[in-house]
Amino acid sequence: MSNSSPYVLQADDVAIHYGGVKAVDGVSLTLEKGQIRGLIGPNGAGKSTVIDAITGRRRLTRGKVTLRGTDVSEMGVVERRMLGLSRSFQRTSIFGGMPVRKQVELASHKMGVQDSAADADAVLKELELDRMAHVMAEDLGYGEQRRLDLALALVGRPSVLLLDEPMAGLSVKESHDLAHHLKALTSRWDVSVLLVEHDMDVVFGISDVVTVFELGRVIASGEPAAVRADPRVREAYLGSAA
């Protein structure tokens, strides 16, 4: 299918309602090729629910999700992943008792990649985990485990990566290192990233666009400097001294 849209991902008027509770209500957002869009907001604002909706883990009450010109709104999680839509979760999904390279190669094989060994090697090299290829995952430092979790999401070269608090539990240096890898991926692998994160230094440091949620709705969206200066954002989330 030809795609004249400049967006690799587009969510239009997405809503997730549970009875009378509007967890997400009328959210629209886009991702361009190689772009990082940060999603911020208080706990319970609807950020993770939006990611669940985009990846197919939650059925839409209304709205539409388009991936590279294809309407994926009725597709399941696996179908969307095979089309290039990948994600990580707040908790890592690694296997502690398995060597690093083996589990990345197995994940690649499960994705149907023909040369899963080469795919695994490329991912590990990109994330500087190649020297730890034969180390058991449980013996890695927590920052390295987070990078391994990212590696599992990158097998098969997805075009869109949705990350749910990837910096959680990391030290300042580990967060900086992971942010560096994410920024590099957008340029070297043309990956587009939707980033839910509470580390404001990371979000405003690497995002091209920042979107702010409150009570299931978008209250501001734009370039990081403009969003940081928005009075509504300062009052609702960043604080008056931000």
C-alpha atoms as a PDB file:
ATOM      1  CA  MET A   1       0.000   0.000   0.000  1.00  0.00           C
ATOM      2  CA  SER A   2       1.379   3.412  -0.940  1.00  0.00           C
ATOM      3  CA  ASN A   3       1.572   5.925   1.857  1.00  0.00           C
ATOM      4  CA  SER A   4       1.573   9.648   1.151  1.00  0.00           C
ATOM      5  CA  SER A   5       1.383  10.529   4.855  1.00  0.00           C
ATOM      6  CA  PRO A   6       4.543  11.927   6.486  1.00  0.00           C
ATOM      7  CA  TYR A   7       3.739   9.904   9.616  1.00  0.00           C
ATOM      8  CA  VAL A   8       4.873   6.367  10.401  1.00  0.00           C
ATOM      9  CA  LEU A   9       2.356   6.254  13.248  1.00  0.00           C
ATOM     10  CA  GLN A  10      -0.892   8.130  13.659  1.00  0.00           C
ATOM     11  CA  ALA A  11      -3.500   7.876  16.417  1.00  0.00           C
ATOM     12  CA  ASP A  12      -6.735   9.732  15.704  1.00  0.00           C
ATOM     13  CA  ASP A  13      -9.324  10.554  18.382  1.00  0.00           C
ATOM     14  CA  VAL A  14      -8.354   7.499  20.440  1.00  0.00           C
ATOM     15  CA  ALA A  15     -10.591   6.776  23.418  1.00  0.00           C
ATOM     16  CA  ILE A  16     -10.571   4.004  26.031  1.00  0.00           C
ATOM     17  CA  HIS A  17     -13.583   4.029  28.347  1.00  0.00           C
ATOM     18  CA  TYR A  18     -14.380   1.614  31.168  1.00  0.00           C
ATOM     19  CA  GLY A  19     -18.054   2.152  31.830  1.00  0.00           C
ATOM     20  CA  GLY A  20     -18.256   5.762  32.952  1.00  0.00           C
ATOM     21  CA  VAL A  21     -14.489   6.082  33.439  1.00  0.00           C
ATOM     22  CA  LYS A  22     -12.701   7.809  30.563  1.00  0.00           C
ATOM     23  CA  ALA A  23      -9.126   6.523  30.929  1.00  0.00           C
ATOM     24  CA  VAL A  24      -8.235   8.071  27.565  1.00  0.00           C
ATOM     25  CA  ASP A  25     -10.594  10.445  25.814  1.00  0.00           C
ATOM     26  CA  GLY A  26     -10.051  11.848  22.337  1.00  0.00           C
ATOM     27  CA  VAL A  27      -6.259  11.616  22.084  1.00  0.00           C
ATOM     28  CA  SER A  28      -4.604  12.285  18.729  1.00  0.00           C
ATOM     29  CA  LEU A  29      -0.868  12.133  18.128  1.00  0.00           C
ATOM     30  CA  THR A  30       1.625  11.346  15.383  1.00  0.00           C
ATOM     31  CA  LEU A  31       5.184  10.121  14.895  1.00  0.00           C
ATOM     32  CA  GLU A  32       7.412  11.039  11.994  1.00  0.00           C
ATOM     33  CA  LYS A  33      10.273   8.868  10.773  1.00  0.00           C
ATOM     34  CA  GLY A  34      13.194   9.066  13.201  1.00  0.00           C
ATOM     35  CA  GLN A  35      11.282  11.254  15.658  1.00  0.00           C
ATOM     36  CA  ILE A  36      11.121  10.931  19.443  1.00  0.00           C
ATOM     37  CA  ARG A  37       7.866  12.056  21.044  1.00  0.00           C
ATOM     38  CA  GLY A  38       7.914  12.203  24.831  1.00  0.00           C
ATOM     39  CA  LEU A  39       4.698  11.589  26.764  1.00  0.00           C
ATOM     40  CA  ILE A  40       4.534  13.058  30.257  1.00  0.00           C
ATOM     41  CA  GLY A  41       1.895  13.619  32.892  1.00  0.00           C
ATOM     42  CA  PRO A  42       0.939  12.647  36.451  1.00  0.00           C
ATOM     43  CA  ASN A  43       0.404   9.019  37.418  1.00  0.00           C
ATOM     44  CA  GLY A  44      -2.962   7.865  36.116  1.00  0.00           C
ATOM     45  CA  ALA A  45      -3.054  10.487  33.361  1.00  0.00           C
ATOM     46  CA  GLY A  46      -3.504   7.831  30.645  1.00  0.00           C
ATOM     47  CA  LYS A  47      -0.007   7.591  29.154  1.00  0.00           C
ATOM     48  CA  SER A  48       0.457   3.827  29.484  1.00  0.00           C
ATOM     49  CA  THR A  49      -3.155   3.251  28.433  1.00  0.00           C
ATOM     50  CA  VAL A  50      -2.467   5.121  25.193  1.00  0.00           C
ATOM     51  CA  ILE A  51       0.493   2.823  24.516  1.00  0.00           C
ATOM     52  CA  ASP A  52      -1.714  -0.193  25.258  1.00  0.00           C
ATOM     53  CA  ALA A  53      -4.294   1.144  22.803  1.00  0.00           C
ATOM     54  CA  ILE A  54      -1.742   1.750  20.052  1.00  0.00           C
ATOM     55  CA  THR A  55      -0.188  -1.706  20.439  1.00  0.00           C
ATOM     56  CA  GLY A  56      -3.528  -3.511  20.552  1.00  0.00           C
ATOM     57  CA  ARG A  57      -3.558  -4.546  24.202  1.00  0.00           C
ATOM     58  CA  ARG A  58      -6.690  -2.465  24.801  1.00  0.00           C
ATOM     59  CA  ARG A  59      -9.713  -2.366  22.513  1.00  0.00           C
ATOM     60  CA  LEU A  60     -10.581   1.119  21.338  1.00  0.00           C
ATOM     61  CA  THR A  61     -13.860   2.631  22.441  1.00  0.00           C
ATOM     62  CA  ARG A  62     -13.450   4.858  19.416  1.00  0.00           C
ATOM     63  CA  GLY A  63     -10.695   6.193  17.209  1.00  0.00           C
ATOM     64  CA  LYS A  64      -8.180   4.860  14.736  1.00  0.00           C
ATOM     65  CA  VAL A  65      -4.524   3.775  14.748  1.00  0.00           C
ATOM     66  CA  THR A  66      -2.547   3.847  11.502  1.00  0.00           C
ATOM     67  CA  LEU A  67       0.917   2.343  11.020  1.00  0.00           C
ATOM     68  CA  ARG A  68       2.785   3.361   7.861  1.00  0.00           C
ATOM     69  CA  GLY A  69      -0.476   3.986   6.047  1.00  0.00           C
ATOM     70  CA  THR A  70      -2.211   0.802   7.205  1.00  0.00           C
ATOM     71  CA  ASP A  71      -5.191   0.914   9.548  1.00  0.00           C
ATOM     72  CA  VAL A  72      -4.253  -1.484  12.370  1.00  0.00           C
ATOM     73  CA  SER A  73      -7.126  -0.589  14.707  1.00  0.00           C
ATOM     74  CA  GLU A  74      -8.680  -4.058  14.513  1.00  0.00           C
ATOM     75  CA  MET A  75      -5.399  -5.991  14.492  1.00  0.00           C
ATOM     76  CA  GLY A  76      -4.003  -7.886  17.472  1.00  0.00           C
ATOM     77  CA  VAL A  77      -0.714  -7.326  19.276  1.00  0.00           C
ATOM     78  CA  VAL A  78       1.216  -9.923  17.253  1.00  0.00           C
ATOM     79  CA  GLU A  79      -0.026  -8.631  13.903  1.00  0.00           C
ATOM     80  CA  ARG A  80       1.011  -5.098  14.789  1.00  0.00           C
ATOM     81  CA  ARG A  81       4.417  -6.308  15.978  1.00  0.00           C
ATOM     82  CA  MET A  82       5.002  -8.128  12.697  1.00  0.00           C
ATOM     83  CA  LEU A  83       4.203  -4.884  10.863  1.00  0.00           C
ATOM     84  CA  GLY A  84       6.909  -3.054  12.803  1.00  0.00           C
ATOM     85  CA  LEU A  85       5.232  -1.786  15.982  1.00  0.00           C
ATOM     86  CA  SER A  86       7.217  -2.828  19.055  1.00  0.00           C
ATOM     87  CA  ARG A  87       7.126  -1.907  22.735  1.00  0.00           C
ATOM     88  CA  SER A  88       8.715  -2.400  26.129  1.00  0.00           C
ATOM     89  CA  PHE A  89       7.045  -2.507  29.535  1.00  0.00           C
ATOM     90  CA  GLN A  90       7.748  -0.869  32.879  1.00  0.00           C
ATOM     91  CA  ARG A  91       9.159  -4.189  34.086  1.00  0.00           C
ATOM     92  CA  THR A  92      11.819  -5.965  32.053  1.00  0.00           C
ATOM     93  CA  SER A  93      10.856  -9.122  30.150  1.00  0.00           C
ATOM     94  CA  ILE A  94      14.291 -10.742  30.116  1.00  0.00           C
ATOM     95  CA  PHE A  95      15.083 -14.342  31.105  1.00  0.00           C
ATOM     96  CA  GLY A  96      17.619 -14.262  33.922  1.00  0.00           C
ATOM     97  CA  GLY A  97      18.913 -17.804  33.444  1.00  0.00           C
ATOM     98  CA  MET A  98      19.654 -17.458  29.731  1.00  0.00           C
ATOM     99  CA  PRO A  99      22.735 -15.941  28.043  1.00  0.00           C
ATOM    100  CA  VAL A 100      22.252 -12.503  26.526  1.00  0.00           C
ATOM    101  CA  ARG A 101      22.822 -13.398  22.884  1.00  0.00           C
ATOM    102  CA  LYS A 102      20.786 -16.594  22.990  1.00  0.00           C
ATOM    103  CA  GLN A 103      17.617 -14.884  24.160  1.00  0.00           C
ATOM    104  CA  VAL A 104      17.957 -12.049  21.650  1.00  0.00           C
ATOM    105  CA  GLU A 105      18.472 -14.566  18.838  1.00  0.00           C
ATOM    106  CA  LEU A 106      15.467 -16.602  20.016  1.00  0.00           C
ATOM    107  CA  ALA A 107      13.325 -13.466  20.063  1.00  0.00           C
ATOM    108  CA  SER A 108      14.470 -12.673  16.529  1.00  0.00           C
ATOM    109  CA  HIS A 109      13.703 -16.218  15.383  1.00  0.00           C
ATOM    110  CA  LYS A 110      10.227 -15.978  16.913  1.00  0.00           C
ATOM    111  CA  MET A 111       9.706 -12.813  14.878  1.00  0.00           C
ATOM    112  CA  GLY A 112      10.381 -14.836  11.739  1.00  0.00           C
ATOM    113  CA  VAL A 113      13.655 -13.113  10.870  1.00  0.00           C
ATOM    114  CA  GLN A 114      15.461 -15.297   8.334  1.00  0.00           C
ATOM    115  CA  ASP A 115      18.969 -14.632   9.649  1.00  0.00           C
ATOM    116  CA  SER A 116      18.192 -14.297  13.343  1.00  0.00           C
ATOM    117  CA  ALA A 117      21.860 -14.710  14.311  1.00  0.00           C
ATOM    118  CA  ALA A 118      22.897 -11.672  12.268  1.00  0.00           C
ATOM    119  CA  ASP A 119      19.905  -9.717  13.553  1.00  0.00           C
ATOM    120  CA  ALA A 120      20.848 -10.487  17.161  1.00  0.00           C
ATOM    121  CA  ASP A 121      24.481  -9.538  16.572  1.00  0.00           C
ATOM    122  CA  ALA A 122      23.480  -6.196  15.028  1.00  0.00           C
ATOM    123  CA  VAL A 123      21.154  -5.328  17.906  1.00  0.00           C
ATOM    124  CA  LEU A 124      23.698  -6.264  20.569  1.00  0.00           C
ATOM    125  CA  LYS A 125      26.424  -4.250  18.858  1.00  0.00           C
ATOM    126  CA  GLU A 126      24.166  -1.199  18.541  1.00  0.00           C
ATOM    127  CA  LEU A 127      23.401  -1.286  22.277  1.00  0.00           C
ATOM    128  CA  GLU A 128      26.988  -2.138  23.268  1.00  0.00           C
ATOM    129  CA  LEU A 129      25.984  -5.505  24.680  1.00  0.00           C
ATOM    130  CA  ASP A 130      28.075  -7.579  22.264  1.00  0.00           C
ATOM    131  CA  ARG A 131      30.877  -8.030  24.802  1.00  0.00           C
ATOM    132  CA  MET A 132      28.342  -9.558  27.185  1.00  0.00           C
ATOM    133  CA  ALA A 133      26.837 -11.932  24.635  1.00  0.00           C
ATOM    134  CA  HIS A 134      27.576 -15.070  26.662  1.00  0.00           C
ATOM    135  CA  VAL A 135      26.845 -13.609  30.096  1.00  0.00           C
ATOM    136  CA  MET A 136      23.742 -14.804  31.915  1.00  0.00           C
ATOM    137  CA  ALA A 137      21.172 -12.018  31.994  1.00  0.00           C
ATOM    138  CA  GLU A 138      20.811 -12.315  35.767  1.00  0.00           C
ATOM    139  CA  ASP A 139      24.500 -11.437  36.134  1.00  0.00           C
ATOM    140  CA  LEU A 140      24.156  -8.128  34.295  1.00  0.00           C
ATOM    141  CA  GLY A 141      23.891  -4.823  36.102  1.00  0.00           C
ATOM    142  CA  TYR A 142      20.407  -3.318  36.161  1.00  0.00           C
ATOM    143  CA  GLY A 143      21.282  -0.724  33.536  1.00  0.00           C
ATOM    144  CA  GLU A 144      22.554  -3.495  31.263  1.00  0.00           C
ATOM    145  CA  GLN A 145      19.374  -5.489  31.867  1.00  0.00           C
ATOM    146  CA  ARG A 146      17.374  -2.477  30.741  1.00  0.00           C
ATOM    147  CA  ARG A 147      19.433  -2.326  27.558  1.00  0.00           C
ATOM    148  CA  LEU A 148      18.846  -6.050  27.030  1.00  0.00           C
ATOM    149  CA  ASP A 149      15.118  -5.451  27.386  1.00  0.00           C
ATOM    150  CA  LEU A 150      15.425  -2.774  24.705  1.00  0.00           C
ATOM    151  CA  ALA A 151      17.372  -5.230  22.535  1.00  0.00           C
ATOM    152  CA  LEU A 152      14.478  -7.704  22.687  1.00  0.00           C
ATOM    153  CA  ALA A 153      12.133  -4.969  21.472  1.00  0.00           C
ATOM    154  CA  LEU A 154      14.467  -4.121  18.580  1.00  0.00           C
ATOM    155  CA  VAL A 155      14.713  -7.534  16.923  1.00  0.00           C
ATOM    156  CA  GLY A 156      13.337  -7.557  13.408  1.00  0.00           C
ATOM    157  CA  ARG A 157      14.107  -3.846  12.978  1.00  0.00           C
ATOM    158  CA  PRO A 158      10.748  -2.301  13.995  1.00  0.00           C
ATOM    159  CA  SER A 159       9.884   1.086  12.543  1.00  0.00           C
ATOM    160  CA  VAL A 160       8.124   2.281  15.707  1.00  0.00           C
ATOM    161  CA  LEU A 161       9.206   1.687  19.296  1.00  0.00           C
ATOM    162  CA  LEU A 162       6.939   2.439  22.250  1.00  0.00           C
ATOM    163  CA  LEU A 163       8.763   2.607  25.569  1.00  0.00           C
ATOM    164  CA  ASP A 164       7.031   2.669  28.952  1.00  0.00           C
ATOM    165  CA  GLU A 165       9.340   4.181  31.591  1.00  0.00           C
ATOM    166  CA  PRO A 166      12.608   2.624  30.351  1.00  0.00           C
ATOM    167  CA  MET A 167      14.657   4.745  32.786  1.00  0.00           C
ATOM    168  CA  ALA A 168      12.815   3.501  35.896  1.00  0.00           C
ATOM    169  CA  GLY A 169      15.280   2.467  38.595  1.00  0.00           C
ATOM    170  CA  LEU A 170      18.362   3.627  36.694  1.00  0.00           C
ATOM    171  CA  SER A 171      21.115   5.840  38.046  1.00  0.00           C
ATOM    172  CA  VAL A 172      21.706   9.244  36.461  1.00  0.00           C
ATOM    173  CA  LYS A 173      24.601   7.841  34.416  1.00  0.00           C
ATOM    174  CA  GLU A 174      22.618   4.777  33.324  1.00  0.00           C
ATOM    175  CA  SER A 175      19.709   6.984  32.260  1.00  0.00           C
ATOM    176  CA  HIS A 176      22.084   9.202  30.295  1.00  0.00           C
ATOM    177  CA  ASP A 177      23.633   6.180  28.569  1.00  0.00           C
ATOM    178  CA  LEU A 178      20.259   4.683  27.629  1.00  0.00           C
ATOM    179  CA  ALA A 179      19.026   8.054  26.372  1.00  0.00           C
ATOM    180  CA  HIS A 180      22.140   8.283  24.193  1.00  0.00           C
ATOM    181  CA  HIS A 181      21.362   4.885  22.666  1.00  0.00           C
ATOM    182  CA  LEU A 182      17.753   5.871  21.963  1.00  0.00           C
ATOM    183  CA  LYS A 183      18.799   9.065  20.219  1.00  0.00           C
ATOM    184  CA  ALA A 184      21.373   7.164  18.152  1.00  0.00           C
ATOM    185  CA  LEU A 185      18.783   4.580  17.108  1.00  0.00           C
ATOM    186  CA  THR A 186      16.540   7.230  15.588  1.00  0.00           C
ATOM    187  CA  SER A 187      19.308   8.372  13.252  1.00  0.00           C
ATOM    188  CA  ARG A 188      21.133   5.117  12.511  1.00  0.00           C
ATOM    189  CA  TRP A 189      18.133   2.763  12.363  1.00  0.00           C
ATOM    190  CA  ASP A 190      15.397   5.266  11.423  1.00  0.00           C
ATOM    191  CA  VAL A 191      13.366   4.114  14.421  1.00  0.00           C
ATOM    192  CA  SER A 192      10.581   6.387  15.659  1.00  0.00           C
ATOM    193  CA  VAL A 193      10.079   6.417  19.435  1.00  0.00           C
ATOM    194  CA  LEU A 194       7.080   7.124  21.640  1.00  0.00           C
ATOM    195  CA  LEU A 195       8.567   7.582  25.105  1.00  0.00           C
ATOM    196  CA  VAL A 196       6.610   7.511  28.372  1.00  0.00           C
ATOM    197  CA  GLU A 197       9.010   8.629  31.072  1.00  0.00           C
ATOM    198  CA  HIS A 198       9.051  10.443  34.429  1.00  0.00           C
ATOM    199  CA  ASP A 199      12.682  11.562  34.130  1.00  0.00           C
ATOM    200  CA  MET A 200      12.133  15.100  32.865  1.00  0.00           C
ATOM    201  CA  ASP A 201      15.810  15.671  32.091  1.00  0.00           C
ATOM    202  CA  VAL A 202      15.706  12.717  29.709  1.00  0.00           C
ATOM    203  CA  VAL A 203      12.370  13.619  28.129  1.00  0.00           C
ATOM    204  CA  PHE A 204      13.222  17.254  27.476  1.00  0.00           C
ATOM    205  CA  GLY A 205      16.789  16.359  26.552  1.00  0.00           C
ATOM    206  CA  ILE A 206      16.142  13.879  23.730  1.00  0.00           C
ATOM    207  CA  SER A 207      12.545  14.426  22.571  1.00  0.00           C
ATOM    208  CA  ASP A 208      11.787  16.296  19.372  1.00  0.00           C
ATOM    209  CA  VAL A 209       8.212  16.824  20.548  1.00  0.00           C
ATOM    210  CA  VAL A 210       6.642  16.540  24.008  1.00  0.00           C
ATOM    211  CA  THR A 211       2.974  15.770  24.686  1.00  0.00           C
ATOM    212  CA  VAL A 212       1.449  16.334  28.122  1.00  0.00           C
ATOM    213  CA  PHE A 213      -1.467  14.302  29.479  1.00  0.00           C
ATOM    214  CA  GLU A 214      -3.888  15.078  32.266  1.00  0.00           C
ATOM    215  CA  LEU A 215      -6.963  12.998  33.133  1.00  0.00           C
ATOM    216  CA  GLY A 216      -6.884  11.083  29.854  1.00  0.00           C
ATOM    217  CA  ARG A 217      -6.585  14.132  27.618  1.00  0.00           C
ATOM    218  CA  VAL A 218      -3.783  16.046  25.921  1.00  0.00           C
ATOM    219  CA  ILE A 219      -3.371  19.481  27.499  1.00  0.00           C
ATOM    220  CA  ALA A 220      -0.258  20.571  25.583  1.00  0.00           C
ATOM    221  CA  SER A 221       1.969  19.385  22.762  1.00  0.00           C
ATOM    222  CA  GLY A 222       4.901  20.895  20.904  1.00  0.00           C
ATOM    223  CA  GLU A 223       8.636  21.478  20.974  1.00  0.00           C
ATOM    224  CA  PRO A 224      10.204  20.840  24.404  1.00  0.00           C
ATOM    225  CA  ALA A 225      11.012  24.478  25.202  1.00  0.00           C
ATOM    226  CA  ALA A 226       7.495  25.642  24.365  1.00  0.00           C
ATOM    227  CA  VAL A 227       5.889  22.863  26.408  1.00  0.00           C
ATOM    228  CA  ARG A 228       8.119  23.543  29.401  1.00  0.00           C
ATOM    229  CA  ALA A 229       7.074  27.207  29.318  1.00  0.00           C
ATOM    230  CA  ASP A 230       3.344  26.490  28.921  1.00  0.00           C
ATOM    231  CA  PRO A 231       1.496  27.804  32.025  1.00  0.00           C
ATOM    232  CA  ARG A 232      -0.978  24.894  31.937  1.00  0.00           C
ATOM    233  CA  VAL A 233       1.862  22.378  32.019  1.00  0.00           C
ATOM    234  CA  ARG A 234       3.708  24.175  34.803  1.00  0.00           C
ATOM    235  CA  GLU A 235       0.565  24.251  36.906  1.00  0.00           C
ATOM    236  CA  ALA A 236      -0.600  20.704  36.188  1.00  0.00           C
ATOM    237  CA  TYR A 237       2.673  18.819  36.247  1.00  0.00           C
ATOM    238  CA  LEU A 238       6.045  20.555  36.243  1.00  0.00           C
ATOM    239  CA  GLY A 239       5.348  22.980  39.073  1.00  0.00           C
ATOM    240  CA  SER A 240       5.564  26.741  39.029  1.00  0.00           C
ATOM    241  CA  ALA A 241       9.340  26.694  39.517  1.00  0.00           C
ATOM    242  CA  ALA A 242      10.019  24.454  36.490  1.00  0.00           C
END
